Amino acid sequence: MKQFFGMSQGGNIKEAIHGLSNPQLIMLLSNNEQFEAHVQELEQLYPGVPSIGCIGMSYDTKVVEKGVGIIAFYNGVTATANVLEEVSSMPVKYIKRLEQDIEKVGASQRDTICIDFCSGNDACALTTIYSALKCRNISLVGGTGDAGRVSANGKVYKDAVTYALVKNLNGKVKAYKENIYHQMDEHRFIASKTDKSKYILGELNGKPAKQVYQKILHVTEQEILTQTFKNPFGRISGNDTCIISIKEVEGNALTCFRQVNDSDVLVLLELGDYKKIVKNTIQTIQRDFPKISAVFSVNCLFRYLLFSDNHYMQEYLWEMGTLGSHAGLVGYGEHYNNQFVNQSMTCVVFE
C-alpha cells in the first residue's frame, strides 16, 4: 500500500489533493471555518470513496496549522468508513454498523487497523467501538478533533465518532503508543470528590487537588496549566499508565481532559528525555518492520506545544520521516485500543 499527503496552508482543497488519484480511503484534516465546505467538496471530487474527517492540524515533514491536510491510502488496501452517533448517550445503538464493516473488509488482527476521529465523550465511544474490535483483536488508533464536529463519507456529524477500517493487502499492521513521561514514585494518590460528567478532580488523598499539585511542584495557580506539559497525572491501569492532562483550575479542584473517578489510583508524572524516547520508538518500529509502507500518527496538542516551545517539533517530524511516509493529526486526546489518553503519540505502521 501507499500513503499520500497533500496540504494547503490557505485551505484550498484542489491544491491539497494535487497528484492524488484512485484513493481507497481519504482522511480530511481541516479548519473550523472551512470544514463543512471541505467535506462537501471532497465528496464531489471523489464520490463514493470512503472518507473520515475532523478539525485539527496535520503534518508530514511540516505542520499545517490553519489550512487543510489530506491523507489518503491507495494501491493495496481495502477500506470502509462509517459513523457511530449519539456518543454522549448511546453509541452502542449503532454498533451493528461496525460489526457489519468488520465482516465487509474481512478484518483480522494481522492486517487490519481501525482509525477513528471523535467529537467528544471519547471514553464511552472507545468502549463501544472496542467491544466489537476485540472479538478479532483488531487494534485502534485515533484522536479527538476540535469544535465538536467530525465527518464520514461526505456528511458532517456532531456528537459522533467516525471510523475507518483499513485492511493492508500487502502485509501486516501494528499499533504503537509512545509515553514520554515516567512516574514520580513518591507521589501516589487516591482520587475523590470527582465529577465524571465535568472531568473534575476534587481531592487527592483527601486534600484539595489544586493545593496538592501546587505544593509538590512549587507553582502558582497561574502556572498550573503550563506545568501540566511537564507534570501531568497518570492513572494506573494494570501495567500501563494513562496520561491525564490538566485543563483548568476550578476553585480548589482541577478540571482534566479525561475522566477521573472516585478511588482511581493516580500518580504524578515527570517529563523524561523525550528525544531519546522518540529515537527508541523509531528503532522499535524499524526492528518490527524491515519494510515500511506508511506510518499514520496522532500527536497530542500538548506534545505539539511542548515540542514547539523547545524548538524540537521540526526535528521530531524529520526523525519520524526516517521511517518513510509519515503523516498525521494533532489531536485533543489520543486513542489506543480502548484507552483514551492525553499528552501521548499513537500510531499505526503498515508493512
Protein backbone atom coordinates (compact mmCIF):
# COMPACT_ATOMS: atom_id res chain seq x y z
CA MET A 1 0.00 0.00 0.00
CA LYS A 2 0.95 3.62 -0.33
CA GLN A 3 0.17 6.80 1.61
CA PHE A 4 -0.49 10.24 0.14
CA PHE A 5 -0.18 13.53 2.00
CA GLY A 6 -1.22 16.82 0.46
CA MET A 7 -1.66 20.20 2.08
CA SER A 8 -2.71 23.78 1.54
CA GLN A 9 -1.83 26.38 4.14
CA GLY A 10 -4.56 28.57 2.65
CA GLY A 11 -7.27 25.91 2.83
CA ASN A 12 -7.52 25.17 -0.91
CA ILE A 13 -8.75 21.59 -1.39
CA LYS A 14 -7.71 21.36 -5.03
CA GLU A 15 -4.17 22.37 -4.08
CA ALA A 16 -4.12 19.79 -1.27
CA ILE A 17 -5.25 16.88 -3.47
CA HIS A 18 -2.89 17.67 -6.36
CA GLY A 19 -1.46 14.38 -7.58
CA LEU A 20 -3.96 12.13 -5.77
CA SER A 21 -5.62 9.53 -7.97
CA ASN A 22 -7.61 6.38 -7.18
CA PRO A 23 -7.60 6.72 -3.37
CA GLN A 24 -9.15 3.88 -1.40
CA LEU A 25 -9.52 5.90 1.82
CA ILE A 26 -9.31 9.66 2.42
CA MET A 27 -8.80 11.44 5.75
CA LEU A 28 -9.63 15.16 5.84
CA LEU A 29 -7.94 17.38 8.46
CA SER A 30 -9.48 20.83 8.11
CA ASN A 31 -10.09 24.10 9.93
CA ASN A 32 -13.15 25.32 11.80
CA GLU A 33 -14.28 27.87 9.22
CA GLN A 34 -14.00 25.69 6.11
CA PHE A 35 -14.76 22.22 7.47
CA GLU A 36 -18.29 21.78 6.07
CA ALA A 37 -17.30 23.19 2.68
CA HIS A 38 -14.25 20.94 2.53
CA VAL A 39 -16.32 17.85 3.37
CA GLN A 40 -18.75 18.60 0.55
CA GLU A 41 -16.05 19.47 -1.98
CA LEU A 42 -14.05 16.35 -1.21
CA GLU A 43 -17.11 14.15 -1.73
CA GLN A 44 -17.78 15.83 -5.09
CA LEU A 45 -14.18 15.29 -6.19
CA TYR A 46 -14.05 11.64 -5.05
CA PRO A 47 -17.65 10.43 -4.96
CA GLY A 48 -18.15 7.15 -3.16
CA VAL A 49 -14.60 6.91 -1.82
CA PRO A 50 -14.67 6.07 1.93
CA SER A 51 -13.65 9.12 3.97
CA ILE A 52 -13.46 10.41 7.52
CA GLY A 53 -12.57 13.89 8.70
CA CYS A 54 -12.19 16.22 11.65
CA ILE A 55 -11.00 19.71 12.56
CA GLY A 56 -7.35 19.82 13.50
CA MET A 57 -3.78 20.46 12.46
CA SER A 58 -1.99 17.98 10.21
CA TYR A 59 1.61 17.24 9.30
CA ASP A 60 4.12 15.25 7.34
CA THR A 61 7.51 16.96 7.42
CA LYS A 62 5.75 20.30 8.07
CA VAL A 63 2.74 21.30 10.16
CA VAL A 64 -0.46 22.69 8.63
CA GLU A 65 -1.93 24.85 11.39
CA LYS A 66 -4.97 26.55 9.82
CA GLY A 67 -5.32 25.27 6.26
CA VAL A 68 -6.20 21.77 5.14
CA GLY A 69 -4.36 18.47 5.03
CA ILE A 70 -5.35 15.35 3.09
CA ILE A 71 -4.07 11.88 3.98
CA ALA A 72 -5.03 9.05 1.67
CA PHE A 73 -4.26 5.35 1.33
CA TYR A 74 -4.16 3.69 -2.07
CA ASN A 75 -2.67 0.85 -4.11
CA GLY A 76 -3.13 -2.12 -1.84
CA VAL A 77 -5.78 -1.52 0.81
CA THR A 78 -9.42 -2.37 1.33
CA ALA A 79 -11.23 0.22 3.42
CA THR A 80 -14.64 1.25 4.63
CA ALA A 81 -15.79 4.28 6.64
CA ASN A 82 -18.80 4.85 8.86
CA VAL A 83 -20.10 6.60 11.98
CA LEU A 84 -21.47 5.82 15.43
CA GLU A 85 -23.83 8.58 16.53
CA GLU A 86 -25.09 9.74 19.94
CA VAL A 87 -21.73 9.12 21.62
CA SER A 88 -22.77 11.19 24.64
CA SER A 89 -25.67 8.88 25.39
CA MET A 90 -25.96 5.65 23.39
CA PRO A 91 -23.31 4.88 20.74
CA VAL A 92 -23.96 1.14 21.20
CA LYS A 93 -27.24 1.74 19.37
CA TYR A 94 -25.18 1.90 16.15
CA ILE A 95 -22.67 -0.89 16.83
CA LYS A 96 -24.19 -3.10 14.13
CA ARG A 97 -22.63 -0.76 11.54
CA LEU A 98 -19.15 -1.54 12.81
CA GLU A 99 -19.83 -5.25 13.12
CA GLN A 100 -21.02 -5.35 9.50
CA ASP A 101 -17.99 -3.33 8.34
CA ILE A 102 -15.64 -5.77 10.08
CA GLU A 103 -17.20 -8.56 8.04
CA LYS A 104 -17.22 -6.43 4.87
CA VAL A 105 -13.44 -5.91 4.80
CA GLY A 106 -12.59 -9.33 6.20
CA ALA A 107 -10.78 -7.70 9.12
CA SER A 108 -8.11 -9.62 11.02
CA GLN A 109 -5.59 -8.88 13.77
CA ARG A 110 -2.57 -9.19 11.47
CA ASP A 111 -3.52 -6.83 8.66
CA THR A 112 -6.37 -4.53 9.79
CA ILE A 113 -6.49 -1.29 11.78
CA CYS A 114 -9.38 0.89 12.91
CA ILE A 115 -8.72 4.65 12.71
CA ASP A 116 -11.24 6.91 14.43
CA PHE A 117 -11.98 10.63 14.79
CA CYS A 118 -14.19 11.59 17.73
CA SER A 119 -16.18 14.74 18.55
CA GLY A 120 -16.07 14.13 22.32
CA ASN A 121 -17.09 11.74 25.13
CA ASP A 122 -14.17 9.62 24.00
CA ALA A 123 -14.18 7.04 26.79
CA CYS A 124 -17.73 5.96 26.00
CA ALA A 125 -17.06 5.94 22.25
CA LEU A 126 -13.91 3.83 22.64
CA THR A 127 -15.51 1.32 24.98
CA THR A 128 -18.28 0.82 22.43
CA ILE A 129 -16.00 0.53 19.39
CA TYR A 130 -13.55 -1.79 21.12
CA SER A 131 -16.35 -4.13 22.21
CA ALA A 132 -16.65 -5.06 18.52
CA LEU A 133 -12.96 -4.90 17.61
CA LYS A 134 -11.70 -7.08 20.46
CA CYS A 135 -13.54 -10.14 19.10
CA ARG A 136 -10.87 -10.28 16.38
CA ASN A 137 -8.11 -8.49 18.34
CA ILE A 138 -8.15 -5.57 15.90
CA SER A 139 -6.17 -2.54 17.10
CA LEU A 140 -7.41 1.05 17.08
CA VAL A 141 -5.58 4.35 16.69
CA GLY A 142 -7.31 7.73 16.61
CA GLY A 143 -8.00 11.03 18.29
CA THR A 144 -10.33 13.85 19.17
CA GLY A 145 -10.92 16.69 16.73
CA ASP A 146 -11.76 20.29 17.55
CA ALA A 147 -15.13 22.08 17.65
CA GLY A 148 -17.29 19.00 18.23
CA ARG A 149 -17.70 18.01 14.58
CA VAL A 150 -16.50 15.07 12.52
CA SER A 151 -17.32 13.73 9.08
CA ALA A 152 -17.82 10.45 7.28
CA ASN A 153 -18.50 9.84 3.60
CA GLY A 154 -19.40 13.42 2.76
CA LYS A 155 -21.61 14.17 5.78
CA VAL A 156 -20.86 16.22 8.92
CA TYR A 157 -21.86 14.88 12.34
CA LYS A 158 -21.99 16.24 15.87
CA ASP A 159 -21.91 14.03 18.96
CA ALA A 160 -20.38 11.21 16.96
CA VAL A 161 -17.30 9.11 16.30
CA THR A 162 -16.36 8.36 12.71
CA TYR A 163 -14.11 5.46 11.88
CA ALA A 164 -12.32 3.75 9.03
CA LEU A 165 -11.40 0.10 8.88
CA VAL A 166 -8.26 -0.33 6.77
CA LYS A 167 -7.04 -3.75 5.64
CA ASN A 168 -3.50 -3.91 4.28
CA LEU A 169 -3.48 -6.31 1.33
CA ASN A 170 0.32 -6.49 1.16
CA GLY A 171 1.42 -7.11 4.74
CA LYS A 172 0.86 -6.62 8.42
CA VAL A 173 -0.12 -3.61 10.52
CA LYS A 174 0.73 -2.76 14.11
CA ALA A 175 -0.32 -0.01 16.53
CA TYR A 176 2.05 1.76 18.94
CA LYS A 177 1.72 4.22 21.83
CA GLU A 178 4.56 6.47 22.97
CA ASN A 179 4.79 7.87 26.51
CA ILE A 180 7.47 10.49 27.18
CA TYR A 181 6.74 10.62 30.93
CA HIS A 182 7.75 8.46 33.90
CA GLN A 183 6.24 8.05 37.35
CA MET A 184 7.33 10.05 40.38
CA ASP A 185 7.06 7.12 42.77
CA GLU A 186 6.86 9.22 45.90
CA HIS A 187 3.65 10.93 44.70
CA ARG A 188 0.76 8.44 44.55
CA PHE A 189 -2.84 9.41 45.29
CA ILE A 190 -6.40 8.19 45.68
CA ALA A 191 -8.82 10.46 43.79
CA SER A 192 -12.02 11.65 45.44
CA LYS A 193 -14.75 14.30 45.07
CA THR A 194 -14.67 13.77 41.30
CA ASP A 195 -17.36 14.76 38.81
CA LYS A 196 -17.31 12.30 35.92
CA SER A 197 -19.54 14.43 33.69
CA LYS A 198 -17.31 17.51 34.04
CA TYR A 199 -13.95 15.68 34.34
CA ILE A 200 -13.35 17.36 37.71
CA LEU A 201 -10.74 16.06 40.16
CA GLY A 202 -11.65 17.42 43.58
CA GLU A 203 -9.26 15.86 46.07
CA LEU A 204 -6.05 13.82 46.22
CA ASN A 205 -5.62 11.73 49.36
CA GLY A 206 -8.39 13.77 50.94
CA LYS A 207 -6.80 17.18 50.27
CA PRO A 208 -7.80 19.81 47.66
CA ALA A 209 -6.27 18.77 44.32
CA LYS A 210 -5.10 22.25 43.38
CA GLN A 211 -3.17 22.78 46.61
CA VAL A 212 -1.59 19.31 46.44
CA TYR A 213 -0.34 19.94 42.90
CA GLN A 214 0.96 23.42 43.78
CA LYS A 215 2.72 22.30 46.96
CA ILE A 216 4.59 19.41 45.28
CA LEU A 217 5.73 21.39 42.24
CA HIS A 218 6.08 24.86 43.84
CA VAL A 219 3.95 26.61 41.20
CA THR A 220 1.43 29.40 41.35
CA GLU A 221 -2.18 28.87 40.30
CA GLN A 222 -1.44 30.68 37.03
CA GLU A 223 1.43 28.28 36.26
CA ILE A 224 -0.59 25.08 36.66
CA LEU A 225 -1.88 24.99 33.07
CA THR A 226 1.61 25.11 31.58
CA GLN A 227 3.20 22.93 34.28
CA THR A 228 0.97 20.06 33.13
CA PHE A 229 3.14 19.88 29.98
CA LYS A 230 5.95 18.66 32.25
CA ASN A 231 3.93 17.09 35.07
CA PRO A 232 0.58 15.58 34.11
CA PHE A 233 -1.19 12.96 36.19
CA GLY A 234 -1.25 9.29 35.31
CA ARG A 235 -3.94 6.73 36.09
CA ILE A 236 -2.62 3.25 36.83
CA SER A 237 -4.27 0.60 34.66
CA GLY A 238 -2.61 -2.78 35.19
CA ASN A 239 0.96 -2.42 33.91
CA ASP A 240 0.06 0.65 31.87
CA THR A 241 -0.25 4.34 32.76
CA CYS A 242 -2.92 6.51 31.11
CA ILE A 243 -1.80 10.15 30.99
CA ILE A 244 -4.25 12.78 32.26
CA SER A 245 -3.70 16.45 31.41
CA ILE A 246 -4.97 19.37 33.48
CA LYS A 247 -7.38 21.59 31.55
CA GLU A 248 -8.18 24.35 34.05
CA VAL A 249 -8.48 25.29 37.72
CA GLU A 250 -11.97 25.07 39.20
CA GLY A 251 -11.87 26.64 42.67
CA ASN A 252 -9.75 24.25 44.72
CA ALA A 253 -10.31 21.47 42.20
CA LEU A 254 -8.74 20.68 38.83
CA THR A 255 -10.63 20.03 35.61
CA CYS A 256 -8.92 17.44 33.41
CA PHE A 257 -9.07 16.46 29.74
CA ARG A 258 -10.25 12.95 30.55
CA GLN A 259 -12.48 11.40 33.15
CA VAL A 260 -11.25 10.65 36.66
CA ASN A 261 -13.34 8.53 39.03
CA ASP A 262 -13.52 8.31 42.80
CA SER A 263 -10.97 5.78 44.13
CA ASP A 264 -8.84 5.89 40.96
CA VAL A 265 -5.15 5.43 41.78
CA LEU A 266 -3.25 8.38 40.32
CA VAL A 267 0.45 9.18 40.18
CA LEU A 268 2.28 12.36 39.31
CA LEU A 269 4.33 12.05 36.14
CA GLU A 270 7.54 13.77 35.12
CA LEU A 271 8.82 14.58 31.64
CA GLY A 272 11.59 12.26 30.54
CA ASP A 273 14.30 12.53 27.89
CA TYR A 274 11.81 12.82 25.04
CA LYS A 275 14.43 12.95 22.30
CA LYS A 276 15.87 9.64 23.46
CA ILE A 277 12.39 8.14 23.85
CA VAL A 278 11.44 9.15 20.29
CA LYS A 279 14.62 7.55 18.94
CA ASN A 280 13.82 4.36 20.88
CA THR A 281 10.30 4.28 19.42
CA ILE A 282 11.67 4.67 15.90
CA GLN A 283 14.22 1.90 16.49
CA THR A 284 11.50 -0.41 17.85
CA ILE A 285 9.35 0.18 14.77
CA GLN A 286 12.32 -0.43 12.47
CA ARG A 287 13.05 -3.73 14.21
CA ASP A 288 9.43 -4.81 13.87
CA PHE A 289 9.12 -3.63 10.25
CA PRO A 290 12.16 -4.06 7.97
CA LYS A 291 9.93 -2.76 5.16
CA ILE A 292 7.53 0.11 5.90
CA SER A 293 4.88 1.39 3.50
CA ALA A 294 3.38 4.10 5.71
CA VAL A 295 3.04 5.47 9.23
CA PHE A 296 -0.08 7.36 10.37
CA SER A 297 0.18 9.02 13.79
CA VAL A 298 -1.81 11.16 16.21
CA ASN A 299 0.17 13.59 18.38
CA CYS A 300 -1.41 15.41 21.30
CA LEU A 301 -1.78 19.18 21.07
CA PHE A 302 0.18 19.46 24.33
CA ARG A 303 3.06 17.47 22.82
CA TYR A 304 2.98 19.81 19.84
CA LEU A 305 3.13 22.83 22.16
CA LEU A 306 5.88 21.27 24.31
CA PHE A 307 7.99 20.33 21.27
CA SER A 308 7.42 23.73 19.65
CA ASP A 309 8.35 25.63 22.82
CA ASN A 310 11.58 23.62 22.94
CA HIS A 311 12.28 24.13 19.22
CA TYR A 312 12.04 20.37 18.64
CA MET A 313 8.87 19.96 16.53
CA GLN A 314 10.58 20.25 13.16
CA GLU A 315 13.37 17.90 14.25
CA TYR A 316 10.74 15.47 15.53
CA LEU A 317 8.98 15.37 12.15
CA TRP A 318 12.29 14.82 10.38
CA GLU A 319 13.11 11.98 12.80
CA MET A 320 9.75 10.30 12.18
CA GLY A 321 10.24 10.86 8.47
CA THR A 322 13.20 8.49 8.54
CA LEU A 323 10.66 5.68 8.81
CA GLY A 324 9.33 6.55 5.35
CA SER A 325 5.95 8.07 4.51
CA HIS A 326 4.78 9.59 7.81
CA ALA A 327 1.74 11.84 8.25
CA GLY A 328 -0.80 12.54 10.94
CA LEU A 329 -3.10 14.65 13.10
CA VAL A 330 -2.52 16.94 16.08
CA GLY A 331 -5.38 15.79 18.34
CA TYR A 332 -7.08 16.90 21.54
CA GLY A 333 -6.83 13.40 23.01
CA GLU A 334 -5.34 10.19 21.70
CA HIS A 335 -6.91 6.77 21.27
CA TYR A 336 -5.07 3.47 21.59
CA ASN A 337 -7.27 0.38 21.51
CA ASN A 338 -9.77 1.03 24.31
CA GLN A 339 -7.69 3.74 26.02
CA PHE A 340 -8.34 7.48 25.88
CA VAL A 341 -5.09 9.20 26.85
CA ASN A 342 -3.54 12.68 26.86
CA GLN A 343 -0.09 14.03 26.01
CA SER A 344 0.79 10.88 24.05
CA MET A 345 1.52 9.76 20.50
CA THR A 346 -0.28 6.82 18.97
CA CYS A 347 0.45 5.48 15.52
CA VAL A 348 -0.18 2.63 13.10
CA VAL A 349 2.57 1.22 10.91
CA PHE A 350 1.83 -0.53 7.61
CA GLU A 351 4.21 -3.08 6.16
